[in-house]
Amino acid sequence: MRKDEVFVGLGRIIVRLERARHRLLSVDPGDKEKLLAASRKVDELIMEYYRAKSNATRG
Protein backbone atom coordinates (compact mmCIF):
# COMPACT_ATOMS: atom_id res chain seq x y z
CA MET A 1 0.00 0.00 0.00
CA ARG A 2 1.34 3.40 -0.94
CA LYS A 3 1.90 6.11 1.61
CA ASP A 4 -0.77 8.41 0.16
CA GLU A 5 -3.33 5.57 0.31
CA VAL A 6 -2.48 5.05 3.96
CA PHE A 7 -3.04 8.73 4.73
CA VAL A 8 -6.37 8.71 2.88
CA GLY A 9 -7.46 5.67 4.90
CA LEU A 10 -6.42 7.29 8.16
CA GLY A 11 -8.16 10.50 7.12
CA ARG A 12 -11.41 8.64 6.50
CA ILE A 13 -11.22 7.05 9.92
CA ILE A 14 -10.62 10.46 11.49
CA VAL A 15 -13.69 11.88 9.72
CA ARG A 16 -15.80 8.96 10.97
CA LEU A 17 -14.37 9.46 14.46
CA GLU A 18 -15.23 13.15 14.46
CA ARG A 19 -18.81 12.41 13.35
CA ALA A 20 -19.16 9.82 16.11
CA ARG A 21 -17.69 12.26 18.64
CA HIS A 22 -20.23 14.92 17.64
CA ARG A 23 -23.05 12.38 18.00
CA LEU A 24 -21.71 11.45 21.44
CA LEU A 25 -21.68 15.09 22.51
CA SER A 26 -25.24 15.60 21.29
CA VAL A 27 -26.69 12.66 23.28
CA ASP A 28 -28.82 13.56 26.27
CA PRO A 29 -26.74 12.70 29.36
CA GLY A 30 -29.84 11.20 30.94
CA ASP A 31 -30.20 8.62 28.18
CA LYS A 32 -27.64 6.12 29.45
CA GLU A 33 -28.23 3.52 26.71
CA LYS A 34 -27.68 5.96 23.86
CA LEU A 35 -24.74 7.50 25.67
CA LEU A 36 -23.11 4.10 26.14
CA ALA A 37 -23.72 3.11 22.51
CA ALA A 38 -22.24 6.36 21.20
CA SER A 39 -19.27 6.04 23.54
CA ARG A 40 -18.61 2.48 22.38
CA LYS A 41 -18.67 3.63 18.76
CA VAL A 42 -16.06 6.30 19.50
CA ASP A 43 -13.93 3.70 21.30
CA GLU A 44 -14.19 1.30 18.33
CA LEU A 45 -13.12 4.01 15.89
CA ILE A 46 -10.18 5.00 18.07
CA MET A 47 -9.02 1.37 18.08
CA GLU A 48 -9.54 1.15 14.32
CA TYR A 49 -7.40 4.26 13.84
CA TYR A 50 -4.56 2.92 15.97
CA ARG A 51 -4.68 -0.48 14.23
CA ALA A 52 -4.55 1.18 10.82
CA LYS A 53 -1.74 3.49 11.92
CA SER A 54 0.20 0.59 13.39
CA ASN A 55 -0.18 -1.45 10.20
CA ALA A 56 0.90 1.54 8.11
CA THR A 57 4.15 1.96 10.03
CA ARG A 58 4.99 -1.74 9.67
CA GLY A 59 4.59 -1.95 5.93
PDB file of N, CA and C in Angstrom:
ATOM      1  N   MET A   1       0.853  -1.180   0.000  1.00  0.00           N
ATOM      2  CA  MET A   1       0.000   0.000   0.000  1.00  0.00           C
ATOM      3  C   MET A   1       0.894   1.236   0.000  1.00  0.00           C
ATOM      4  N   ARG A   2       0.547   2.174  -0.850  1.00  0.00           N
ATOM      5  CA  ARG A   2       1.344   3.404  -0.945  1.00  0.00           C
ATOM      6  C   ARG A   2       1.042   4.320   0.230  1.00  0.00           C
ATOM      7  N   LYS A   3       2.013   5.194   0.476  1.00  0.00           N
ATOM      8  CA  LYS A   3       1.897   6.109   1.613  1.00  0.00           C
ATOM      9  C   LYS A   3       0.671   7.015   1.507  1.00  0.00           C
ATOM     10  N   ASP A   4       0.383   7.520   0.313  1.00  0.00           N
ATOM     11  CA  ASP A   4      -0.771   8.408   0.159  1.00  0.00           C
ATOM     12  C   ASP A   4      -2.078   7.661   0.392  1.00  0.00           C
ATOM     13  N   GLU A   5      -2.129   6.373   0.043  1.00  0.00           N
ATOM     14  CA  GLU A   5      -3.325   5.575   0.310  1.00  0.00           C
ATOM     15  C   GLU A   5      -3.521   5.373   1.808  1.00  0.00           C
ATOM     16  N   VAL A   6      -2.416   5.206   2.510  1.00  0.00           N
ATOM     17  CA  VAL A   6      -2.478   5.050   3.963  1.00  0.00           C
ATOM     18  C   VAL A   6      -3.041   6.315   4.594  1.00  0.00           C
ATOM     19  N   PHE A   7      -2.557   7.473   4.157  1.00  0.00           N
ATOM     20  CA  PHE A   7      -3.035   8.734   4.729  1.00  0.00           C
ATOM     21  C   PHE A   7      -4.505   8.966   4.413  1.00  0.00           C
ATOM     22  N   VAL A   8      -4.952   8.565   3.232  1.00  0.00           N
ATOM     23  CA  VAL A   8      -6.369   8.705   2.884  1.00  0.00           C
ATOM     24  C   VAL A   8      -7.203   7.812   3.800  1.00  0.00           C
ATOM     25  N   GLY A   9      -6.738   6.583   4.007  1.00  0.00           N
ATOM     26  CA  GLY A   9      -7.455   5.667   4.896  1.00  0.00           C
ATOM     27  C   GLY A   9      -7.532   6.193   6.314  1.00  0.00           C
ATOM     28  N   LEU A  10      -6.417   6.709   6.821  1.00  0.00           N
ATOM     29  CA  LEU A  10      -6.417   7.288   8.163  1.00  0.00           C
ATOM     30  C   LEU A  10      -7.319   8.512   8.222  1.00  0.00           C
ATOM     31  N   GLY A  11      -7.306   9.309   7.169  1.00  0.00           N
ATOM     32  CA  GLY A  11      -8.162  10.496   7.115  1.00  0.00           C
ATOM     33  C   GLY A  11      -9.633  10.139   7.171  1.00  0.00           C
ATOM     34  N   ARG A  12     -10.005   9.078   6.480  1.00  0.00           N
ATOM     35  CA  ARG A  12     -11.411   8.644   6.503  1.00  0.00           C
ATOM     36  C   ARG A  12     -11.815   8.185   7.902  1.00  0.00           C
ATOM     37  N   ILE A  13     -10.918   7.487   8.557  1.00  0.00           N
ATOM     38  CA  ILE A  13     -11.216   7.047   9.922  1.00  0.00           C
ATOM     39  C   ILE A  13     -11.376   8.258  10.837  1.00  0.00           C
ATOM     40  N   ILE A  14     -10.529   9.256  10.665  1.00  0.00           N
ATOM     41  CA  ILE A  14     -10.617  10.464  11.489  1.00  0.00           C
ATOM     42  C   ILE A  14     -11.950  11.174  11.260  1.00  0.00           C
ATOM     43  N   VAL A  15     -12.397  11.243  10.016  1.00  0.00           N
ATOM     44  CA  VAL A  15     -13.690  11.879   9.722  1.00  0.00           C
ATOM     45  C   VAL A  15     -14.815  11.111  10.407  1.00  0.00           C
ATOM     46  N   ARG A  16     -14.783   9.781  10.314  1.00  0.00           N
ATOM     47  CA  ARG A  16     -15.804   8.962  10.974  1.00  0.00           C
ATOM     48  C   ARG A  16     -15.742   9.142  12.487  1.00  0.00           C
ATOM     49  N   LEU A  17     -14.547   9.250  13.022  1.00  0.00           N
ATOM     50  CA  LEU A  17     -14.366   9.455  14.457  1.00  0.00           C
ATOM     51  C   LEU A  17     -14.945  10.802  14.886  1.00  0.00           C
ATOM     52  N   GLU A  18     -14.697  11.829  14.118  1.00  0.00           N
ATOM     53  CA  GLU A  18     -15.233  13.152  14.459  1.00  0.00           C
ATOM     54  C   GLU A  18     -16.762  13.162  14.405  1.00  0.00           C
ATOM     55  N   ARG A  19     -17.335  12.488  13.423  1.00  0.00           N
ATOM     56  CA  ARG A  19     -18.807  12.408  13.353  1.00  0.00           C
ATOM     57  C   ARG A  19     -19.359  11.685  14.574  1.00  0.00           C
ATOM     58  N   ALA A  20     -18.710  10.575  14.941  1.00  0.00           N
ATOM     59  CA  ALA A  20     -19.158   9.816  16.108  1.00  0.00           C
ATOM     60  C   ALA A  20     -18.996  10.641  17.381  1.00  0.00           C
ATOM     61  N   ARG A  21     -17.919  11.407  17.460  1.00  0.00           N
ATOM     62  CA  ARG A  21     -17.695  12.257  18.635  1.00  0.00           C
ATOM     63  C   ARG A  21     -18.784  13.324  18.745  1.00  0.00           C
ATOM     64  N   HIS A  22     -19.164  13.911  17.620  1.00  0.00           N
ATOM     65  CA  HIS A  22     -20.234  14.918  17.637  1.00  0.00           C
ATOM     66  C   HIS A  22     -21.564  14.291  18.059  1.00  0.00           C
ATOM     67  N   ARG A  23     -21.828  13.073  17.578  1.00  0.00           N
ATOM     68  CA  ARG A  23     -23.051  12.382  18.003  1.00  0.00           C
ATOM     69  C   ARG A  23     -23.017  12.122  19.509  1.00  0.00           C
ATOM     70  N   LEU A  24     -21.850  11.707  20.012  1.00  0.00           N
ATOM     71  CA  LEU A  24     -21.707  11.454  21.439  1.00  0.00           C
ATOM     72  C   LEU A  24     -21.998  12.719  22.243  1.00  0.00           C
ATOM     73  N   LEU A  25     -21.477  13.834  21.784  1.00  0.00           N
ATOM     74  CA  LEU A  25     -21.676  15.093  22.507  1.00  0.00           C
ATOM     75  C   LEU A  25     -23.118  15.585  22.449  1.00  0.00           C
ATOM     76  N   SER A  26     -23.861  15.139  21.436  1.00  0.00           N
ATOM     77  CA  SER A  26     -25.240  15.603  21.292  1.00  0.00           C
ATOM     78  C   SER A  26     -26.251  14.708  22.028  1.00  0.00           C
ATOM     79  N   VAL A  27     -25.793  13.572  22.564  1.00  0.00           N
ATOM     80  CA  VAL A  27     -26.691  12.663  23.277  1.00  0.00           C
ATOM     81  C   VAL A  27     -27.070  13.265  24.625  1.00  0.00           C
ATOM     82  N   ASP A  28     -28.330  13.111  24.966  1.00  0.00           N
ATOM     83  CA  ASP A  28     -28.820  13.560  26.271  1.00  0.00           C
ATOM     84  C   ASP A  28     -28.121  12.752  27.365  1.00  0.00           C
ATOM     85  N   PRO A  29     -27.452  13.424  28.301  1.00  0.00           N
ATOM     86  CA  PRO A  29     -26.736  12.700  29.360  1.00  0.00           C
ATOM     87  C   PRO A  29     -27.639  11.788  30.201  1.00  0.00           C
ATOM     88  N   GLY A  30     -28.916  12.035  30.192  1.00  0.00           N
ATOM     89  CA  GLY A  30     -29.845  11.198  30.939  1.00  0.00           C
ATOM     90  C   GLY A  30     -30.176   9.891  30.245  1.00  0.00           C
ATOM     91  N   ASP A  31     -29.909   9.827  28.956  1.00  0.00           N
ATOM     92  CA  ASP A  31     -30.197   8.617  28.177  1.00  0.00           C
ATOM     93  C   ASP A  31     -28.964   7.722  28.186  1.00  0.00           C
ATOM     94  N   LYS A  32     -28.854   6.921  29.219  1.00  0.00           N
ATOM     95  CA  LYS A  32     -27.641   6.119  29.454  1.00  0.00           C
ATOM     96  C   LYS A  32     -27.382   5.118  28.336  1.00  0.00           C
ATOM     97  N   GLU A  33     -28.425   4.520  27.772  1.00  0.00           N
ATOM     98  CA  GLU A  33     -28.232   3.522  26.711  1.00  0.00           C
ATOM     99  C   GLU A  33     -27.642   4.154  25.450  1.00  0.00           C
ATOM    100  N   LYS A  34     -28.202   5.277  25.046  1.00  0.00           N
ATOM    101  CA  LYS A  34     -27.678   5.958  23.856  1.00  0.00           C
ATOM    102  C   LYS A  34     -26.270   6.487  24.104  1.00  0.00           C
ATOM    103  N   LEU A  35     -26.052   6.977  25.305  1.00  0.00           N
ATOM    104  CA  LEU A  35     -24.739   7.499  25.671  1.00  0.00           C
ATOM    105  C   LEU A  35     -23.689   6.385  25.626  1.00  0.00           C
ATOM    106  N   LEU A  36     -24.022   5.237  26.148  1.00  0.00           N
ATOM    107  CA  LEU A  36     -23.110   4.104  26.145  1.00  0.00           C
ATOM    108  C   LEU A  36     -22.846   3.619  24.722  1.00  0.00           C
ATOM    109  N   ALA A  37     -23.888   3.552  23.897  1.00  0.00           N
ATOM    110  CA  ALA A  37     -23.722   3.106  22.507  1.00  0.00           C
ATOM    111  C   ALA A  37     -22.829   4.074  21.727  1.00  0.00           C
ATOM    112  N   ALA A  38     -23.047   5.363  21.908  1.00  0.00           N
ATOM    113  CA  ALA A  38     -22.241   6.363  21.201  1.00  0.00           C
ATOM    114  C   ALA A  38     -20.796   6.328  21.692  1.00  0.00           C
ATOM    115  N   SER A  39     -20.610   6.122  22.981  1.00  0.00           N
ATOM    116  CA  SER A  39     -19.269   6.042  23.541  1.00  0.00           C
ATOM    117  C   SER A  39     -18.528   4.813  23.019  1.00  0.00           C
ATOM    118  N   ARG A  40     -19.223   3.700  22.925  1.00  0.00           N
ATOM    119  CA  ARG A  40     -18.606   2.478  22.375  1.00  0.00           C
ATOM    120  C   ARG A  40     -18.181   2.683  20.928  1.00  0.00           C
ATOM    121  N   LYS A  41     -19.001   3.376  20.164  1.00  0.00           N
ATOM    122  CA  LYS A  41     -18.670   3.631  18.760  1.00  0.00           C
ATOM    123  C   LYS A  41     -17.395   4.462  18.662  1.00  0.00           C
ATOM    124  N   VAL A  42     -17.274   5.482  19.487  1.00  0.00           N
ATOM    125  CA  VAL A  42     -16.059   6.304  19.505  1.00  0.00           C
ATOM    126  C   VAL A  42     -14.857   5.436  19.879  1.00  0.00           C
ATOM    127  N   ASP A  43     -15.023   4.596  20.882  1.00  0.00           N
ATOM    128  CA  ASP A  43     -13.934   3.700  21.295  1.00  0.00           C
ATOM    129  C   ASP A  43     -13.512   2.770  20.158  1.00  0.00           C
ATOM    130  N   GLU A  44     -14.486   2.204  19.453  1.00  0.00           N
ATOM    131  CA  GLU A  44     -14.185   1.303  18.327  1.00  0.00           C
ATOM    132  C   GLU A  44     -13.400   2.028  17.244  1.00  0.00           C
ATOM    133  N   LEU A  45     -13.802   3.245  16.939  1.00  0.00           N
ATOM    134  CA  LEU A  45     -13.119   4.006  15.894  1.00  0.00           C
ATOM    135  C   LEU A  45     -11.709   4.406  16.316  1.00  0.00           C
ATOM    136  N   ILE A  46     -11.524   4.696  17.584  1.00  0.00           N
ATOM    137  CA  ILE A  46     -10.178   4.999  18.075  1.00  0.00           C
ATOM    138  C   ILE A  46      -9.287   3.777  17.897  1.00  0.00           C
ATOM    139  N   MET A  47      -9.796   2.611  18.252  1.00  0.00           N
ATOM    140  CA  MET A  47      -9.020   1.374  18.085  1.00  0.00           C
ATOM    141  C   MET A  47      -8.747   1.100  16.602  1.00  0.00           C
ATOM    142  N   GLU A  48      -9.734   1.335  15.757  1.00  0.00           N
ATOM    143  CA  GLU A  48      -9.545   1.148  14.315  1.00  0.00           C
ATOM    144  C   GLU A  48      -8.448   2.068  13.790  1.00  0.00           C
ATOM    145  N   TYR A  49      -8.434   3.306  14.261  1.00  0.00           N
ATOM    146  CA  TYR A  49      -7.405   4.261  13.844  1.00  0.00           C
ATOM    147  C   TYR A  49      -6.014   3.772  14.245  1.00  0.00           C
ATOM    148  N   TYR A  50      -5.875   3.364  15.505  1.00  0.00           N
ATOM    149  CA  TYR A  50      -4.558   2.919  15.965  1.00  0.00           C
ATOM    150  C   TYR A  50      -4.109   1.637  15.280  1.00  0.00           C
ATOM    151  N   ARG A  51      -5.041   0.734  14.983  1.00  0.00           N
ATOM    152  CA  ARG A  51      -4.680  -0.483  14.234  1.00  0.00           C
ATOM    153  C   ARG A  51      -4.196  -0.115  12.840  1.00  0.00           C
ATOM    154  N   ALA A  52      -4.917   0.766  12.170  1.00  0.00           N
ATOM    155  CA  ALA A  52      -4.545   1.181  10.822  1.00  0.00           C
ATOM    156  C   ALA A  52      -3.195   1.904  10.830  1.00  0.00           C
ATOM    157  N   LYS A  53      -3.000   2.754  11.807  1.00  0.00           N
ATOM    158  CA  LYS A  53      -1.740   3.486  11.916  1.00  0.00           C
ATOM    159  C   LYS A  53      -0.585   2.531  12.199  1.00  0.00           C
ATOM    160  N   SER A  54      -0.818   1.577  13.067  1.00  0.00           N
ATOM    161  CA  SER A  54       0.204   0.589  13.394  1.00  0.00           C
ATOM    162  C   SER A  54       0.571  -0.247  12.169  1.00  0.00           C
ATOM    163  N   ASN A  55      -0.443  -0.673  11.419  1.00  0.00           N
ATOM    164  CA  ASN A  55      -0.183  -1.453  10.202  1.00  0.00           C
ATOM    165  C   ASN A  55       0.548  -0.619   9.155  1.00  0.00           C
ATOM    166  N   ALA A  56       0.265   0.663   9.107  1.00  0.00           N
ATOM    167  CA  ALA A  56       0.902   1.544   8.115  1.00  0.00           C
ATOM    168  C   ALA A  56       2.388   1.718   8.422  1.00  0.00           C
ATOM    169  N   THR A  57       2.738   1.746   9.686  1.00  0.00           N
ATOM    170  CA  THR A  57       4.153   1.959  10.027  1.00  0.00           C
ATOM    171  C   THR A  57       4.966   0.681   9.855  1.00  0.00           C
ATOM    172  N   ARG A  58       4.291  -0.463   9.865  1.00  0.00           N
ATOM    173  CA  ARG A  58       4.994  -1.741   9.666  1.00  0.00           C
ATOM    174  C   ARG A  58       5.342  -1.969   8.207  1.00  0.00           C
ATOM    175  N   GLY A  59       4.418  -1.590   7.336  1.00  0.00           N
ATOM    176  CA  GLY A  59       4.593  -1.949   5.932  1.00  0.00           C
ATOM    177  C   GLY A  59       4.982  -0.813   5.140  1.00  0.00           C
TER     178      GLY A  59
END
